[in-house]
């Protein structure tokens, strides 16, 4: 996957991670924490070669989650950052 550079894919994975974290926070699905964690890692994979700064931002938030399961990253902010790059590249 590291050779599949894709801004849209990264945003998709972060959106899915956000939904999974909401499920985790409901208290009914504790395993969703780890699914969200994996989705964030997949988002990083789509960015790391061409957009290392964006990948590092996601990784930083993911590692905070790993260290503290009560930490809830602002995934909307990360999606917005990726969107800024996508819009800039589309011009």
PDB file of N, CA and C in Angstrom:
ATOM      1  N   UNK A   1       0.823  -1.195   0.000  1.00  0.00           N
ATOM      2  CA  UNK A   1       0.000   0.000   0.000  1.00  0.00           C
ATOM      3  C   UNK A   1       0.865   1.257   0.000  1.00  0.00           C
ATOM      4  N   UNK A   2       2.088   1.171   0.426  1.00  0.00           N
ATOM      5  CA  UNK A   2       2.923   2.364   0.498  1.00  0.00           C
ATOM      6  C   UNK A   2       3.140   3.019  -0.855  1.00  0.00           C
ATOM      7  N   UNK A   3       2.964   2.281  -1.936  1.00  0.00           N
ATOM      8  CA  UNK A   3       3.152   2.879  -3.255  1.00  0.00           C
ATOM      9  C   UNK A   3       1.844   3.421  -3.833  1.00  0.00           C
ATOM     10  N   UNK A   4       0.756   3.315  -3.090  1.00  0.00           N
ATOM     11  CA  UNK A   4      -0.545   3.800  -3.542  1.00  0.00           C
ATOM     12  C   UNK A   4      -0.815   5.168  -2.920  1.00  0.00           C
ATOM     13  N   UNK A   5      -0.257   6.201  -3.522  1.00  0.00           N
ATOM     14  CA  UNK A   5      -0.410   7.562  -3.008  1.00  0.00           C
ATOM     15  C   UNK A   5      -1.800   8.063  -3.376  1.00  0.00           C
ATOM     16  N   UNK A   6      -2.577   8.466  -2.371  1.00  0.00           N
ATOM     17  CA  UNK A   6      -3.961   8.825  -2.649  1.00  0.00           C
ATOM     18  C   UNK A   6      -4.520   9.710  -1.525  1.00  0.00           C
ATOM     19  N   UNK A   7      -4.703  10.990  -1.839  1.00  0.00           N
ATOM     20  CA  UNK A   7      -5.271  11.910  -0.854  1.00  0.00           C
ATOM     21  C   UNK A   7      -6.704  11.528  -0.497  1.00  0.00           C
ATOM     22  N   UNK A   8      -7.487  11.178  -1.512  1.00  0.00           N
ATOM     23  CA  UNK A   8      -8.878  10.801  -1.251  1.00  0.00           C
ATOM     24  C   UNK A   8      -8.965   9.549  -0.391  1.00  0.00           C
ATOM     25  N   UNK A   9      -8.101   8.593  -0.647  1.00  0.00           N
ATOM     26  CA  UNK A   9      -8.095   7.364   0.153  1.00  0.00           C
ATOM     27  C   UNK A   9      -7.769   7.676   1.608  1.00  0.00           C
ATOM     28  N   UNK A  10      -6.815   8.566   1.824  1.00  0.00           N
ATOM     29  CA  UNK A  10      -6.448   8.939   3.192  1.00  0.00           C
ATOM     30  C   UNK A  10      -7.636   9.583   3.902  1.00  0.00           C
ATOM     31  N   UNK A  11      -8.337  10.468   3.197  1.00  0.00           N
ATOM     32  CA  UNK A  11      -9.512  11.106   3.806  1.00  0.00           C
ATOM     33  C   UNK A  11     -10.587  10.070   4.109  1.00  0.00           C
ATOM     34  N   UNK A  12     -10.773   9.128   3.214  1.00  0.00           N
ATOM     35  CA  UNK A  12     -11.762   8.058   3.425  1.00  0.00           C
ATOM     36  C   UNK A  12     -11.432   7.263   4.688  1.00  0.00           C
ATOM     37  N   UNK A  13     -10.170   6.877   4.848  1.00  0.00           N
ATOM     38  CA  UNK A  13      -9.769   6.104   6.018  1.00  0.00           C
ATOM     39  C   UNK A  13      -9.948   6.907   7.306  1.00  0.00           C
ATOM     40  N   UNK A  14      -9.663   8.196   7.257  1.00  0.00           N
ATOM     41  CA  UNK A  14      -9.856   9.015   8.457  1.00  0.00           C
ATOM     42  C   UNK A  14     -11.335   9.177   8.783  1.00  0.00           C
ATOM     43  N   UNK A  15     -12.164   9.290   7.757  1.00  0.00           N
ATOM     44  CA  UNK A  15     -13.603   9.358   7.990  1.00  0.00           C
ATOM     45  C   UNK A  15     -14.114   8.077   8.634  1.00  0.00           C
ATOM     46  N   UNK A  16     -13.617   6.960   8.148  1.00  0.00           N
ATOM     47  CA  UNK A  16     -14.018   5.672   8.716  1.00  0.00           C
ATOM     48  C   UNK A  16     -13.494   5.532  10.144  1.00  0.00           C
ATOM     49  N   UNK A  17     -12.280   5.997  10.381  1.00  0.00           N
ATOM     50  CA  UNK A  17     -11.723   5.962  11.740  1.00  0.00           C
ATOM     51  C   UNK A  17     -12.586   6.775  12.689  1.00  0.00           C
ATOM     52  N   UNK A  18     -13.061   7.914  12.220  1.00  0.00           N
ATOM     53  CA  UNK A  18     -13.905   8.767  13.049  1.00  0.00           C
ATOM     54  C   UNK A  18     -15.198   8.042  13.429  1.00  0.00           C
ATOM     55  N   UNK A  19     -15.815   7.386  12.464  1.00  0.00           N
ATOM     56  CA  UNK A  19     -17.042   6.633  12.737  1.00  0.00           C
ATOM     57  C   UNK A  19     -16.770   5.501  13.725  1.00  0.00           C
ATOM     58  N   UNK A  20     -15.656   4.831  13.560  1.00  0.00           N
ATOM     59  CA  UNK A  20     -15.315   3.731  14.467  1.00  0.00           C
ATOM     60  C   UNK A  20     -15.053   4.236  15.881  1.00  0.00           C
ATOM     61  N   UNK A  21     -14.446   5.405  15.996  1.00  0.00           N
ATOM     62  CA  UNK A  21     -14.214   5.957  17.331  1.00  0.00           C
ATOM     63  C   UNK A  21     -15.526   6.313  18.023  1.00  0.00           C
ATOM     64  N   UNK A  22     -16.496   6.806  17.281  1.00  0.00           N
ATOM     65  CA  UNK A  22     -17.815   7.066  17.871  1.00  0.00           C
ATOM     66  C   UNK A  22     -18.432   5.777  18.398  1.00  0.00           C
ATOM     67  N   UNK A  23     -18.273   4.687  17.651  1.00  0.00           N
ATOM     68  CA  UNK A  23     -18.776   3.395  18.115  1.00  0.00           C
ATOM     69  C   UNK A  23     -18.051   2.969  19.392  1.00  0.00           C
ATOM     70  N   UNK A  24     -16.745   3.172  19.421  1.00  0.00           N
ATOM     71  CA  UNK A  24     -15.958   2.847  20.607  1.00  0.00           C
ATOM     72  C   UNK A  24     -16.441   3.651  21.815  1.00  0.00           C
ATOM     73  N   UNK A  25     -16.668   4.927  21.606  1.00  0.00           N
ATOM     74  CA  UNK A  25     -17.085   5.797  22.706  1.00  0.00           C
ATOM     75  C   UNK A  25     -18.471   5.444  23.242  1.00  0.00           C
ATOM     76  N   UNK A  26     -19.271   4.739  22.467  1.00  0.00           N
ATOM     77  CA  UNK A  26     -20.592   4.319  22.947  1.00  0.00           C
ATOM     78  C   UNK A  26     -20.457   3.320  24.088  1.00  0.00           C
ATOM     79  N   UNK A  27     -19.300   2.676  24.161  1.00  0.00           N
ATOM     80  CA  UNK A  27     -19.064   1.694  25.206  1.00  0.00           C
ATOM     81  C   UNK A  27     -19.511   0.284  24.846  1.00  0.00           C
ATOM     82  N   UNK A  28     -20.217   0.153  23.735  1.00  0.00           N
ATOM     83  CA  UNK A  28     -20.729  -1.154  23.333  1.00  0.00           C
ATOM     84  C   UNK A  28     -19.750  -1.959  22.486  1.00  0.00           C
ATOM     85  N   UNK A  29     -18.783  -1.282  21.899  1.00  0.00           N
ATOM     86  CA  UNK A  29     -17.880  -1.942  20.957  1.00  0.00           C
ATOM     87  C   UNK A  29     -16.429  -1.564  21.241  1.00  0.00           C
ATOM     88  N   UNK A  30     -15.826  -2.127  22.284  1.00  0.00           N
ATOM     89  CA  UNK A  30     -14.453  -1.733  22.640  1.00  0.00           C
ATOM     90  C   UNK A  30     -13.424  -2.044  21.562  1.00  0.00           C
ATOM     91  N   UNK A  31     -13.702  -3.042  20.717  1.00  0.00           N
ATOM     92  CA  UNK A  31     -12.750  -3.403  19.670  1.00  0.00           C
ATOM     93  C   UNK A  31     -12.662  -2.331  18.583  1.00  0.00           C
ATOM     94  N   UNK A  32     -13.664  -1.461  18.512  1.00  0.00           N
ATOM     95  CA  UNK A  32     -13.659  -0.408  17.488  1.00  0.00           C
ATOM     96  C   UNK A  32     -12.482   0.555  17.656  1.00  0.00           C
ATOM     97  N   UNK A  33     -11.964   0.658  18.874  1.00  0.00           N
ATOM     98  CA  UNK A  33     -10.772   1.492  19.101  1.00  0.00           C
ATOM     99  C   UNK A  33      -9.645   1.028  18.182  1.00  0.00           C
ATOM    100  N   UNK A  34      -9.430  -0.273  18.151  1.00  0.00           N
ATOM    101  CA  UNK A  34      -8.321  -0.816  17.373  1.00  0.00           C
ATOM    102  C   UNK A  34      -8.594  -0.781  15.881  1.00  0.00           C
ATOM    103  N   UNK A  35      -9.855  -0.907  15.499  1.00  0.00           N
ATOM    104  CA  UNK A  35     -10.191  -0.754  14.082  1.00  0.00           C
ATOM    105  C   UNK A  35      -9.921   0.681  13.624  1.00  0.00           C
ATOM    106  N   UNK A  36     -10.274   1.639  14.466  1.00  0.00           N
ATOM    107  CA  UNK A  36     -10.004   3.055  14.156  1.00  0.00           C
ATOM    108  C   UNK A  36      -8.502   3.292  14.054  1.00  0.00           C
ATOM    109  N   UNK A  37      -7.782   2.698  14.968  1.00  0.00           N
ATOM    110  CA  UNK A  37      -6.327   2.803  14.987  1.00  0.00           C
ATOM    111  C   UNK A  37      -5.749   2.298  13.661  1.00  0.00           C
ATOM    112  N   UNK A  38      -6.257   1.165  13.204  1.00  0.00           N
ATOM    113  CA  UNK A  38      -5.804   0.597  11.933  1.00  0.00           C
ATOM    114  C   UNK A  38      -6.163   1.465  10.742  1.00  0.00           C
ATOM    115  N   UNK A  39      -7.350   2.056  10.769  1.00  0.00           N
ATOM    116  CA  UNK A  39      -7.753   2.951   9.679  1.00  0.00           C
ATOM    117  C   UNK A  39      -6.825   4.158   9.600  1.00  0.00           C
ATOM    118  N   UNK A  40      -6.417   4.672  10.742  1.00  0.00           N
ATOM    119  CA  UNK A  40      -5.493   5.808  10.743  1.00  0.00           C
ATOM    120  C   UNK A  40      -4.147   5.399  10.158  1.00  0.00           C
ATOM    121  N   UNK A  41      -3.712   4.202  10.470  1.00  0.00           N
ATOM    122  CA  UNK A  41      -2.450   3.705   9.915  1.00  0.00           C
ATOM    123  C   UNK A  41      -2.545   3.569   8.395  1.00  0.00           C
ATOM    124  N   UNK A  42      -3.683   3.094   7.905  1.00  0.00           N
ATOM    125  CA  UNK A  42      -3.876   2.990   6.451  1.00  0.00           C
ATOM    126  C   UNK A  42      -3.852   4.373   5.799  1.00  0.00           C
ATOM    127  N   UNK A  43      -4.436   5.363   6.464  1.00  0.00           N
ATOM    128  CA  UNK A  43      -4.400   6.731   5.931  1.00  0.00           C
ATOM    129  C   UNK A  43      -2.952   7.206   5.807  1.00  0.00           C
ATOM    130  N   UNK A  44      -2.157   6.923   6.816  1.00  0.00           N
ATOM    131  CA  UNK A  44      -0.735   7.288   6.763  1.00  0.00           C
ATOM    132  C   UNK A  44      -0.050   6.650   5.556  1.00  0.00           C
ATOM    133  N   UNK A  45      -0.349   5.382   5.341  1.00  0.00           N
ATOM    134  CA  UNK A  45       0.281   4.649   4.240  1.00  0.00           C
ATOM    135  C   UNK A  45       0.035   5.313   2.893  1.00  0.00           C
ATOM    136  N   UNK A  46      -1.131   5.880   2.710  1.00  0.00           N
ATOM    137  CA  UNK A  46      -1.469   6.523   1.444  1.00  0.00           C
ATOM    138  C   UNK A  46      -0.756   7.868   1.264  1.00  0.00           C
ATOM    139  N   UNK A  47      -0.155   8.373   2.316  1.00  0.00           N
ATOM    140  CA  UNK A  47       0.457   9.701   2.259  1.00  0.00           C
ATOM    141  C   UNK A  47       1.965   9.729   2.439  1.00  0.00           C
ATOM    142  N   UNK A  48       2.513   8.731   3.084  1.00  0.00           N
ATOM    143  CA  UNK A  48       3.881   8.810   3.597  1.00  0.00           C
ATOM    144  C   UNK A  48       4.933   9.104   2.521  1.00  0.00           C
ATOM    145  N   UNK A  49       4.780   8.594   1.321  1.00  0.00           N
ATOM    146  CA  UNK A  49       5.808   8.815   0.302  1.00  0.00           C
ATOM    147  C   UNK A  49       5.758  10.209  -0.304  1.00  0.00           C
ATOM    148  N   UNK A  50       4.580  10.689  -0.603  1.00  0.00           N
ATOM    149  CA  UNK A  50       4.458  11.980  -1.288  1.00  0.00           C
ATOM    150  C   UNK A  50       4.117  13.133  -0.352  1.00  0.00           C
ATOM    151  N   UNK A  51       3.536  12.822   0.788  1.00  0.00           N
ATOM    152  CA  UNK A  51       3.089  13.863   1.734  1.00  0.00           C
ATOM    153  C   UNK A  51       3.523  13.497   3.153  1.00  0.00           C
ATOM    154  N   UNK A  52       4.825  13.427   3.392  1.00  0.00           N
ATOM    155  CA  UNK A  52       5.297  12.954   4.695  1.00  0.00           C
ATOM    156  C   UNK A  52       4.841  13.812   5.874  1.00  0.00           C
ATOM    157  N   UNK A  53       4.655  15.119   5.664  1.00  0.00           N
ATOM    158  CA  UNK A  53       4.200  15.977   6.770  1.00  0.00           C
ATOM    159  C   UNK A  53       2.780  15.606   7.187  1.00  0.00           C
ATOM    160  N   UNK A  54       1.917  15.349   6.204  1.00  0.00           N
ATOM    161  CA  UNK A  54       0.550  14.930   6.523  1.00  0.00           C
ATOM    162  C   UNK A  54       0.550  13.569   7.214  1.00  0.00           C
ATOM    163  N   UNK A  55       1.365  12.655   6.716  1.00  0.00           N
ATOM    164  CA  UNK A  55       1.449  11.332   7.336  1.00  0.00           C
ATOM    165  C   UNK A  55       1.934  11.439   8.774  1.00  0.00           C
ATOM    166  N   UNK A  56       2.892  12.322   9.006  1.00  0.00           N
ATOM    167  CA  UNK A  56       3.426  12.503  10.361  1.00  0.00           C
ATOM    168  C   UNK A  56       2.365  13.078  11.304  1.00  0.00           C
ATOM    169  N   UNK A  57       1.512  13.967  10.789  1.00  0.00           N
ATOM    170  CA  UNK A  57       0.436  14.526  11.615  1.00  0.00           C
ATOM    171  C   UNK A  57      -0.512  13.407  12.071  1.00  0.00           C
ATOM    172  N   UNK A  58      -0.862  12.520  11.153  1.00  0.00           N
ATOM    173  CA  UNK A  58      -1.760  11.413  11.496  1.00  0.00           C
ATOM    174  C   UNK A  58      -1.078  10.477  12.482  1.00  0.00           C
ATOM    175  N   UNK A  59       0.173  10.146  12.203  1.00  0.00           N
ATOM    176  CA  UNK A  59       0.920   9.243  13.085  1.00  0.00           C
ATOM    177  C   UNK A  59       0.999   9.796  14.498  1.00  0.00           C
ATOM    178  N   UNK A  60       1.249  11.078  14.614  1.00  0.00           N
ATOM    179  CA  UNK A  60       1.336  11.703  15.927  1.00  0.00           C
ATOM    180  C   UNK A  60       0.043  11.511  16.717  1.00  0.00           C
ATOM    181  N   UNK A  61      -1.088  11.733  16.053  1.00  0.00           N
ATOM    182  CA  UNK A  61      -2.380  11.561  16.718  1.00  0.00           C
ATOM    183  C   UNK A  61      -2.640  10.092  17.054  1.00  0.00           C
ATOM    184  N   UNK A  62      -2.255   9.218  16.138  1.00  0.00           N
ATOM    185  CA  UNK A  62      -2.446   7.777  16.364  1.00  0.00           C
ATOM    186  C   UNK A  62      -1.629   7.292  17.553  1.00  0.00           C
ATOM    187  N   UNK A  63      -0.412   7.771  17.678  1.00  0.00           N
ATOM    188  CA  UNK A  63       0.426   7.354  18.796  1.00  0.00           C
ATOM    189  C   UNK A  63      -0.088   7.911  20.131  1.00  0.00           C
ATOM    190  N   UNK A  64      -0.683   9.098  20.102  1.00  0.00           N
ATOM    191  CA  UNK A  64      -1.314   9.619  21.320  1.00  0.00           C
ATOM    192  C   UNK A  64      -2.455   8.699  21.747  1.00  0.00           C
ATOM    193  N   UNK A  65      -3.219   8.210  20.776  1.00  0.00           N
ATOM    194  CA  UNK A  65      -4.295   7.260  21.080  1.00  0.00           C
ATOM    195  C   UNK A  65      -3.730   5.974  21.678  1.00  0.00           C
ATOM    196  N   UNK A  66      -2.632   5.514  21.115  1.00  0.00           N
ATOM    197  CA  UNK A  66      -2.027   4.272  21.581  1.00  0.00           C
ATOM    198  C   UNK A  66      -1.613   4.391  23.040  1.00  0.00           C
ATOM    199  N   UNK A  67      -1.099   5.545  23.408  1.00  0.00           N
ATOM    200  CA  UNK A  67      -0.637   5.764  24.778  1.00  0.00           C
ATOM    201  C   UNK A  67      -1.762   6.066  25.751  1.00  0.00           C
ATOM    202  N   UNK A  68      -2.905   6.523  25.227  1.00  0.00           N
ATOM    203  CA  UNK A  68      -4.011   6.932  26.093  1.00  0.00           C
ATOM    204  C   UNK A  68      -5.332   6.647  25.378  1.00  0.00           C
ATOM    205  N   UNK A  69      -5.987   5.550  25.730  1.00  0.00           N
ATOM    206  CA  UNK A  69      -7.227   5.162  25.057  1.00  0.00           C
ATOM    207  C   UNK A  69      -8.375   6.136  25.307  1.00  0.00           C
ATOM    208  N   UNK A  70      -8.173   7.110  26.170  1.00  0.00           N
ATOM    209  CA  UNK A  70      -9.205   8.129  26.381  1.00  0.00           C
ATOM    210  C   UNK A  70      -8.976   9.344  25.490  1.00  0.00           C
ATOM    211  N   UNK A  71      -7.848   9.357  24.776  1.00  0.00           N
ATOM    212  CA  UNK A  71      -7.547  10.471  23.875  1.00  0.00           C
ATOM    213  C   UNK A  71      -8.368  10.317  22.605  1.00  0.00           C
ATOM    214  N   UNK A  72      -9.026  11.388  22.214  1.00  0.00           N
ATOM    215  CA  UNK A  72      -9.846  11.378  20.999  1.00  0.00           C
ATOM    216  C   UNK A  72      -9.285  12.413  20.028  1.00  0.00           C
ATOM    217  N   UNK A  73      -8.638  11.964  18.947  1.00  0.00           N
ATOM    218  CA  UNK A  73      -8.026  12.899  17.999  1.00  0.00           C
ATOM    219  C   UNK A  73      -9.070  13.684  17.213  1.00  0.00           C
ATOM    220  N   UNK A  74      -8.695  14.871  16.801  1.00  0.00           N
ATOM    221  CA  UNK A  74      -9.574  15.691  15.967  1.00  0.00           C
ATOM    222  C   UNK A  74      -9.356  15.282  14.511  1.00  0.00           C
ATOM    223  N   UNK A  75     -10.047  14.247  14.105  1.00  0.00           N
ATOM    224  CA  UNK A  75      -9.873  13.718  12.757  1.00  0.00           C
ATOM    225  C   UNK A  75     -10.429  14.664  11.706  1.00  0.00           C
ATOM    226  N   UNK A  76     -11.415  15.460  12.063  1.00  0.00           N
ATOM    227  CA  UNK A  76     -11.942  16.456  11.126  1.00  0.00           C
ATOM    228  C   UNK A  76     -10.860  17.452  10.740  1.00  0.00           C
ATOM    229  N   UNK A  77     -10.050  17.810  11.694  1.00  0.00           N
ATOM    230  CA  UNK A  77      -8.940  18.741  11.421  1.00  0.00           C
ATOM    231  C   UNK A  77      -7.935  18.099  10.457  1.00  0.00           C
ATOM    232  N   UNK A  78      -7.647  16.834  10.681  1.00  0.00           N
ATOM    233  CA  UNK A  78      -6.717  16.142   9.788  1.00  0.00           C
ATOM    234  C   UNK A  78      -7.284  16.039   8.379  1.00  0.00           C
ATOM    235  N   UNK A  79      -8.570  15.732   8.275  1.00  0.00           N
ATOM    236  CA  UNK A  79      -9.208  15.664   6.960  1.00  0.00           C
ATOM    237  C   UNK A  79      -9.148  17.030   6.288  1.00  0.00           C
ATOM    238  N   UNK A  80      -9.359  18.079   7.051  1.00  0.00           N
ATOM    239  CA  UNK A  80      -9.287  19.440   6.496  1.00  0.00           C
ATOM    240  C   UNK A  80      -7.892  19.759   5.975  1.00  0.00           C
ATOM    241  N   UNK A  81      -6.870  19.338   6.691  1.00  0.00           N
ATOM    242  CA  UNK A  81      -5.493  19.580   6.249  1.00  0.00           C
ATOM    243  C   UNK A  81      -5.211  18.861   4.928  1.00  0.00           C
ATOM    244  N   UNK A  82      -5.676  17.636   4.810  1.00  0.00           N
ATOM    245  CA  UNK A  82      -5.488  16.888   3.566  1.00  0.00           C
ATOM    246  C   UNK A  82      -6.278  17.547   2.436  1.00  0.00           C
ATOM    247  N   UNK A  83      -7.476  18.012   2.749  1.00  0.00           N
ATOM    248  CA  UNK A  83      -8.304  18.665   1.748  1.00  0.00           C
ATOM    249  C   UNK A  83      -7.640  19.933   1.220  1.00  0.00           C
ATOM    250  N   UNK A  84      -6.990  20.694   2.088  1.00  0.00           N
ATOM    251  CA  UNK A  84      -6.274  21.900   1.644  1.00  0.00           C
ATOM    252  C   UNK A  84      -5.234  21.536   0.584  1.00  0.00           C
ATOM    253  N   UNK A  85      -4.514  20.465   0.815  1.00  0.00           N
ATOM    254  CA  UNK A  85      -3.497  20.029  -0.149  1.00  0.00           C
ATOM    255  C   UNK A  85      -4.170  19.577  -1.445  1.00  0.00           C
ATOM    256  N   UNK A  86      -5.250  18.838  -1.345  1.00  0.00           N
ATOM    257  CA  UNK A  86      -5.952  18.351  -2.534  1.00  0.00           C
ATOM    258  C   UNK A  86      -6.489  19.507  -3.378  1.00  0.00           C
ATOM    259  N   UNK A  87      -7.049  20.507  -2.713  1.00  0.00           N
ATOM    260  CA  UNK A  87      -7.579  21.664  -3.432  1.00  0.00           C
ATOM    261  C   UNK A  87      -6.449  22.437  -4.119  1.00  0.00           C
ATOM    262  N   UNK A  88      -5.361  22.601  -3.402  1.00  0.00           N
ATOM    263  CA  UNK A  88      -4.207  23.315  -3.956  1.00  0.00           C
ATOM    264  C   UNK A  88      -3.666  22.586  -5.188  1.00  0.00           C
ATOM    265  N   UNK A  89      -3.603  21.264  -5.119  1.00  0.00           N
ATOM    266  CA  UNK A  89      -3.086  20.489  -6.247  1.00  0.00           C
ATOM    267  C   UNK A  89      -4.053  20.473  -7.429  1.00  0.00           C
ATOM    268  N   UNK A  90      -5.328  20.639  -7.160  1.00  0.00           N
ATOM    269  CA  UNK A  90      -6.324  20.609  -8.234  1.00  0.00           C
ATOM    270  C   UNK A  90      -6.302  21.879  -9.064  1.00  0.00           C
ATOM    271  N   UNK A  91      -5.689  22.923  -8.553  1.00  0.00           N
ATOM    272  CA  UNK A  91      -5.638  24.219  -9.282  1.00  0.00           C
ATOM    273  C   UNK A  91      -4.569  24.219 -10.326  1.00  0.00           C
TER     274      UNK A  91
END
